[in-house]
Protein backbone atom coordinates (compact mmCIF):
# COMPACT_ATOMS: atom_id res chain seq x y z
CA MET A 1 0.00 0.00 0.00
CA ILE A 2 1.16 3.51 -0.82
CA ILE A 3 0.05 6.28 1.56
CA SER A 4 0.89 9.89 0.79
CA VAL A 5 0.93 12.60 3.47
CA ALA A 6 0.08 16.05 2.13
CA SER A 7 -1.15 19.50 3.06
CA GLY A 8 -2.20 22.64 1.23
CA LYS A 9 0.44 24.69 3.06
CA GLY A 10 3.75 24.29 4.82
CA GLY A 11 4.21 23.88 8.54
CA THR A 12 1.11 21.82 9.31
CA GLY A 13 2.98 18.66 10.31
CA LYS A 14 3.35 16.45 7.22
CA THR A 15 6.87 15.40 8.18
CA THR A 16 5.80 14.84 11.80
CA VAL A 17 3.04 12.48 10.68
CA ALA A 18 5.07 10.65 8.02
CA VAL A 19 8.12 10.05 10.23
CA ASN A 20 6.19 9.05 13.35
CA MET A 21 3.96 6.69 11.41
CA ALA A 22 6.97 5.03 9.75
CA LEU A 23 8.66 4.56 13.14
CA SER A 24 5.48 3.17 14.71
CA LEU A 25 4.82 0.42 12.18
CA GLU A 26 6.31 -3.03 12.54
CA GLY A 27 7.94 -4.65 9.56
CA GLY A 28 9.62 -3.10 6.54
CA ILE A 29 8.44 0.40 5.62
CA GLN A 30 9.64 2.60 2.79
CA LEU A 31 9.64 6.31 3.64
CA LEU A 32 9.98 8.61 0.65
CA ASP A 33 10.63 12.33 1.12
CA CYS A 34 9.39 13.92 -2.11
CA ASP A 35 9.82 17.49 -0.88
CA VAL A 36 13.00 17.62 -2.95
CA GLN A 37 13.41 21.39 -2.63
CA GLU A 38 13.76 21.20 1.15
CA PRO A 39 13.80 17.57 2.38
CA ASN A 40 14.00 17.07 6.14
CA ASP A 41 12.84 13.53 6.96
CA HIS A 42 16.49 12.44 7.13
CA LEU A 43 17.11 14.83 10.03
CA PHE A 44 15.13 12.48 12.29
CA PHE A 45 17.26 9.45 11.43
CA LYS A 46 20.86 9.13 12.57
CA MET A 47 22.01 7.16 9.54
CA ASN A 48 25.76 6.81 9.09
CA SER A 49 25.91 6.68 5.30
CA TYR A 50 23.73 6.95 2.22
CA GLU A 51 23.82 5.43 -1.21
CA GLU A 52 23.71 8.35 -3.65
CA LYS A 53 22.50 8.47 -7.23
CA ARG A 54 22.80 11.49 -9.51
CA ILE A 55 19.74 12.29 -11.59
CA TYR A 56 19.86 13.78 -15.07
CA SER A 57 17.26 15.42 -17.26
CA PRO A 58 17.29 15.36 -21.09
CA THR A 59 17.60 18.92 -22.37
CA PRO A 60 17.28 20.04 -26.02
CA ARG A 61 20.28 21.35 -27.94
CA VAL A 62 20.10 22.80 -31.46
CA ASN A 63 22.40 21.91 -34.35
CA THR A 64 22.72 25.34 -35.95
CA GLU A 65 23.97 23.85 -39.22
CA LEU A 66 20.71 21.97 -39.72
CA CYS A 67 18.30 24.46 -38.17
CA ASP A 68 16.49 26.87 -40.51
CA ARG A 69 14.67 28.64 -37.61
CA CYS A 70 11.21 27.65 -38.80
CA GLY A 71 9.90 28.12 -35.26
CA LYS A 72 7.88 24.91 -34.95
CA CYS A 73 9.77 23.88 -31.82
CA ALA A 74 8.83 27.13 -30.06
CA GLU A 75 5.21 26.83 -31.21
CA VAL A 76 4.69 23.44 -29.57
CA CYS A 77 6.62 24.14 -26.35
CA GLN A 78 4.01 24.57 -23.61
CA PHE A 79 6.53 25.99 -21.16
CA ASN A 80 8.06 28.80 -23.26
CA ALA A 81 11.48 27.19 -22.96
CA ILE A 82 12.43 27.94 -26.59
CA ALA A 83 12.75 31.35 -28.23
CA VAL A 84 13.41 31.63 -31.98
CA LEU A 85 15.24 34.87 -32.82
CA PRO A 86 16.24 36.13 -36.27
CA ASN A 87 19.81 34.95 -35.88
CA LYS A 88 19.68 32.16 -33.27
CA ILE A 89 17.57 29.94 -31.07
CA MET A 90 17.66 30.27 -27.30
CA ILE A 91 16.94 27.31 -24.96
CA PHE A 92 15.99 28.14 -21.37
CA ASP A 93 17.06 25.02 -19.50
CA GLN A 94 15.29 25.90 -16.25
CA LEU A 95 11.93 26.20 -18.03
CA CYS A 96 12.28 22.94 -19.95
CA HIS A 97 10.19 19.98 -18.69
CA SER A 98 12.08 17.45 -20.84
CA CYS A 99 8.98 16.30 -22.71
CA GLY A 100 10.92 15.81 -25.96
CA LEU A 101 8.19 17.26 -28.17
CA CYS A 102 10.48 19.85 -29.77
CA SER A 103 12.81 17.16 -31.14
CA ILE A 104 9.84 15.18 -32.44
CA VAL A 105 8.28 18.04 -34.44
CA CYS A 106 11.52 19.46 -35.84
CA PRO A 107 11.30 18.81 -39.62
CA ARG A 108 15.08 18.98 -40.11
CA LYS A 109 15.97 16.82 -37.08
CA ALA A 110 18.11 19.68 -35.82
CA ILE A 111 17.30 19.13 -32.14
CA ILE A 112 19.02 16.53 -30.03
CA GLU A 113 18.85 15.97 -26.26
CA GLU A 114 21.75 16.17 -23.83
CA SER A 115 21.73 14.99 -20.23
CA ARG A 116 21.87 17.71 -17.58
CA GLU A 117 22.26 16.99 -13.87
CA ILE A 118 19.31 18.29 -11.84
CA GLY A 119 19.94 16.77 -8.40
CA VAL A 120 20.60 13.62 -6.42
CA ILE A 121 18.62 11.01 -4.55
CA ARG A 122 19.93 9.39 -1.37
CA MET A 123 18.95 6.03 0.09
CA ALA A 124 19.66 4.33 3.41
CA GLU A 125 18.13 1.74 5.74
CA GLN A 126 17.74 1.71 9.51
CA ASN A 127 15.59 -0.46 11.81
CA ASN A 128 13.57 -1.91 8.89
CA ILE A 129 12.89 1.58 7.50
CA ARG A 130 14.15 2.34 4.03
CA LEU A 131 14.51 6.09 3.58
CA VAL A 132 14.73 7.67 0.13
CA TYR A 133 14.88 11.40 -0.45
CA GLY A 134 15.84 13.79 -3.24
CA VAL A 135 17.82 17.01 -3.23
CA LEU A 136 17.12 19.34 -6.15
CA ASN A 137 19.98 21.52 -7.37
CA LEU A 138 19.57 25.12 -6.21
CA GLU A 139 19.24 26.61 -9.68
CA GLU A 140 16.53 24.14 -10.75
CA PRO A 141 12.91 25.35 -10.50
CA VAL A 142 11.23 22.20 -11.89
CA ALA A 143 11.04 19.36 -9.37
CA GLY A 144 8.85 16.82 -11.16
CA ARG A 145 11.55 14.69 -12.76
CA LEU A 146 13.49 14.33 -9.50
CA ILE A 147 10.29 13.41 -7.63
CA ARG A 148 9.64 10.69 -10.21
CA ALA A 149 13.20 9.43 -9.67
CA VAL A 150 12.55 9.18 -5.92
CA LYS A 151 9.33 7.22 -6.54
CA ASP A 152 11.10 4.95 -9.03
CA GLU A 153 13.05 3.60 -6.04
CA ILE A 154 9.90 2.03 -4.54
CA LYS A 155 10.45 -1.69 -4.10
CA GLU A 156 7.67 -4.23 -4.36
CA GLY A 157 6.46 -6.04 -1.27
CA LYS A 158 6.79 -3.25 1.31
CA ASP A 159 4.33 -0.55 2.29
CA VAL A 160 5.22 3.02 1.34
CA ILE A 161 4.74 6.37 3.07
CA ILE A 162 5.32 9.46 0.92
CA ASP A 163 6.03 12.81 2.56
CA CYS A 164 4.81 15.35 -0.03
CA PRO A 165 5.84 18.95 -0.62
CA PRO A 166 3.38 21.63 0.54
CA GLY A 167 0.72 23.23 -1.62
CA THR A 168 -1.34 22.00 -4.58
CA SER A 169 1.08 22.67 -7.46
CA CYS A 170 2.71 20.23 -9.91
CA PRO A 171 5.26 18.76 -7.42
CA VAL A 172 2.42 17.83 -5.06
CA ILE A 173 0.38 16.20 -7.81
CA GLU A 174 3.48 14.31 -8.95
CA SER A 175 4.05 13.12 -5.37
CA VAL A 176 0.52 11.93 -4.57
CA TYR A 177 -0.17 10.43 -8.00
CA GLY A 178 -0.47 6.67 -7.78
CA SER A 179 -1.16 6.63 -4.03
CA ASP A 180 -3.79 4.29 -2.64
CA PHE A 181 -4.72 6.88 -0.01
CA CYS A 182 -3.75 10.40 1.02
CA ILE A 183 -3.63 11.71 4.58
CA LEU A 184 -4.42 15.42 4.56
CA VAL A 185 -2.76 17.11 7.51
CA THR A 186 -4.38 20.34 8.61
CA GLU A 187 -4.73 22.55 11.65
CA PRO A 188 -7.97 23.99 13.09
CA THR A 189 -7.42 27.56 11.90
CA PRO A 190 -8.93 29.66 9.08
CA PHE A 191 -5.70 29.32 7.09
CA GLY A 192 -5.66 25.59 7.69
CA LEU A 193 -9.26 25.29 6.47
CA HIS A 194 -8.52 27.31 3.33
CA SER A 195 -5.56 25.12 2.33
CA LEU A 196 -7.51 21.96 3.21
CA LYS A 197 -10.27 22.92 0.78
CA LEU A 198 -7.72 23.36 -2.01
CA MET A 199 -6.27 19.91 -1.36
CA VAL A 200 -9.70 18.29 -1.21
CA ASP A 201 -10.62 19.78 -4.60
CA MET A 202 -7.34 18.56 -6.10
CA LEU A 203 -7.60 15.00 -4.76
CA ARG A 204 -11.20 14.69 -5.87
CA GLU A 205 -10.15 15.77 -9.35
CA ILE A 206 -7.47 13.06 -9.60
CA LYS A 207 -9.67 10.53 -7.76
CA ILE A 208 -7.43 9.58 -4.84
CA PRO A 209 -9.26 8.64 -1.61
CA PHE A 210 -8.33 10.70 1.43
CA GLY A 211 -9.02 11.53 5.05
CA VAL A 212 -8.02 14.33 7.41
CA LEU A 213 -5.58 14.34 10.31
CA VAL A 214 -5.97 17.40 12.53
CA ASN A 215 -2.67 18.55 14.06
CA ARG A 216 -2.29 21.00 16.96
CA THR A 217 -5.84 20.56 18.19
CA GLY A 218 -6.78 23.05 20.86
CA ILE A 219 -5.92 26.14 18.83
CA GLY A 220 -8.16 28.03 16.42
CA ASP A 221 -11.82 27.13 15.98
CA THR A 222 -14.15 24.31 14.93
CA ARG A 223 -14.68 25.21 11.28
CA VAL A 224 -12.36 22.45 10.01
CA TYR A 225 -14.52 19.88 11.80
CA GLU A 226 -17.71 21.43 10.47
CA TYR A 227 -16.34 21.39 6.93
CA CYS A 228 -15.31 17.72 7.18
CA ARG A 229 -18.69 16.78 8.60
CA ASN A 230 -20.57 18.62 5.82
CA GLU A 231 -18.32 17.11 3.13
CA ASP A 232 -18.45 13.60 4.65
CA ILE A 233 -14.65 13.53 5.08
CA PRO A 234 -13.38 11.20 7.81
CA ILE A 235 -11.26 12.59 10.64
CA LEU A 236 -8.52 9.96 10.94
CA LEU A 237 -6.60 11.17 13.99
CA GLU A 238 -6.02 14.23 16.15
CA ILE A 239 -2.65 15.34 17.54
CA PRO A 240 -2.90 17.90 20.36
CA TYR A 241 -1.10 21.20 20.67
CA ASP A 242 1.44 19.78 23.13
CA ARG A 243 4.58 21.48 24.42
CA ARG A 244 6.41 18.17 24.85
CA ILE A 245 5.79 17.19 21.22
CA ALA A 246 7.16 20.56 20.10
CA GLU A 247 10.24 20.25 22.32
CA LEU A 248 11.03 16.77 21.01
CA TYR A 249 10.60 17.96 17.44
CA SER A 250 12.99 20.88 18.04
CA ARG A 251 15.61 18.35 19.16
CA GLY A 252 15.09 16.14 16.12
CA ILE A 253 13.32 13.39 18.10
CA PRO A 254 10.09 11.90 16.72
CA PHE A 255 7.58 12.06 19.56
CA ALA A 256 6.36 8.48 19.06
CA VAL A 257 9.81 7.29 20.11
CA GLU A 258 9.59 8.98 23.52
CA MET A 259 5.83 9.02 24.02
CA LYS A 260 5.14 5.30 23.65
CA GLU A 261 1.36 5.71 23.85
CA TRP A 262 1.40 7.17 20.33
CA LYS A 263 2.76 4.11 18.54
CA PRO A 264 -0.51 2.13 18.85
CA LYS A 265 -2.41 5.17 17.62
CA PHE A 266 -0.35 5.39 14.43
CA GLN A 267 -0.60 1.62 13.99
CA GLU A 268 -4.38 1.82 14.31
CA LEU A 269 -4.43 4.71 11.82
CA PHE A 270 -2.49 2.62 9.32
CA GLN A 271 -4.77 -0.39 9.77
CA ASN A 272 -7.90 1.75 9.41
CA ILE A 273 -6.61 3.12 6.13
CA LYS A 274 -5.95 -0.41 4.90
CA VAL A 275 -9.56 -1.29 5.63
CA MET A 276 -10.79 1.86 3.88
CA VAL A 277 -8.89 1.10 0.66
CA GLY A 278 -9.51 -2.65 0.82
CA LYS A 279 -5.88 -3.70 1.08
């Protein structure tokens, strides 16, 4: 089973939920950190070494001897990564999504693709948890290909937890796509409700089942609960606004490790999701 953990905004507790759930489950678990622009799951694991793999993206290059600057490549590019000028063609690498369409439509076969490094993925195992995370190069704005590379490391036969980037943009869709279930982490505040609604709309559009986990209960108001009740969205678990949880987090310690009463709660959460998706 593949469970993704997502939220419409940053700071709601996606990493807290993903890491503590992975540490609470018995047996082999794969934890994938797909927030490749700022991964932090690895900070909670004291792993001595990682296997590292460099990831490359095919990027178009123009053979100026063959090119007649007809402009068809720029016409079909949906990301404005190609500009045809009177005397040359400009390729904007950071806008390119490596779809390959420009090389396909070029009538003179003047476009070839070269590999360009976009980041790395790192893998390690500890206590039956296999951690995989990506690190996107600083100058790269497009994270999708690196996220796919992280997900390509999923091995058959073990359950998977995916820690998604925040928001509802392309990297989030790339991360949750293919999941059996998505845990939406929110907080009981107006901002939390607004971002939750965005995520609900997105997941309904791509037809991934989901439920809500309310973090930092005790702050804000009850509108998140009212929304979930009106929309028939299950509340999977509540995590209180607790000083001890915050202190452990600030020291890089998952609270389920120190607060043993939480492990059965995350185990029950996982089993309930299995029942909901029929796994």
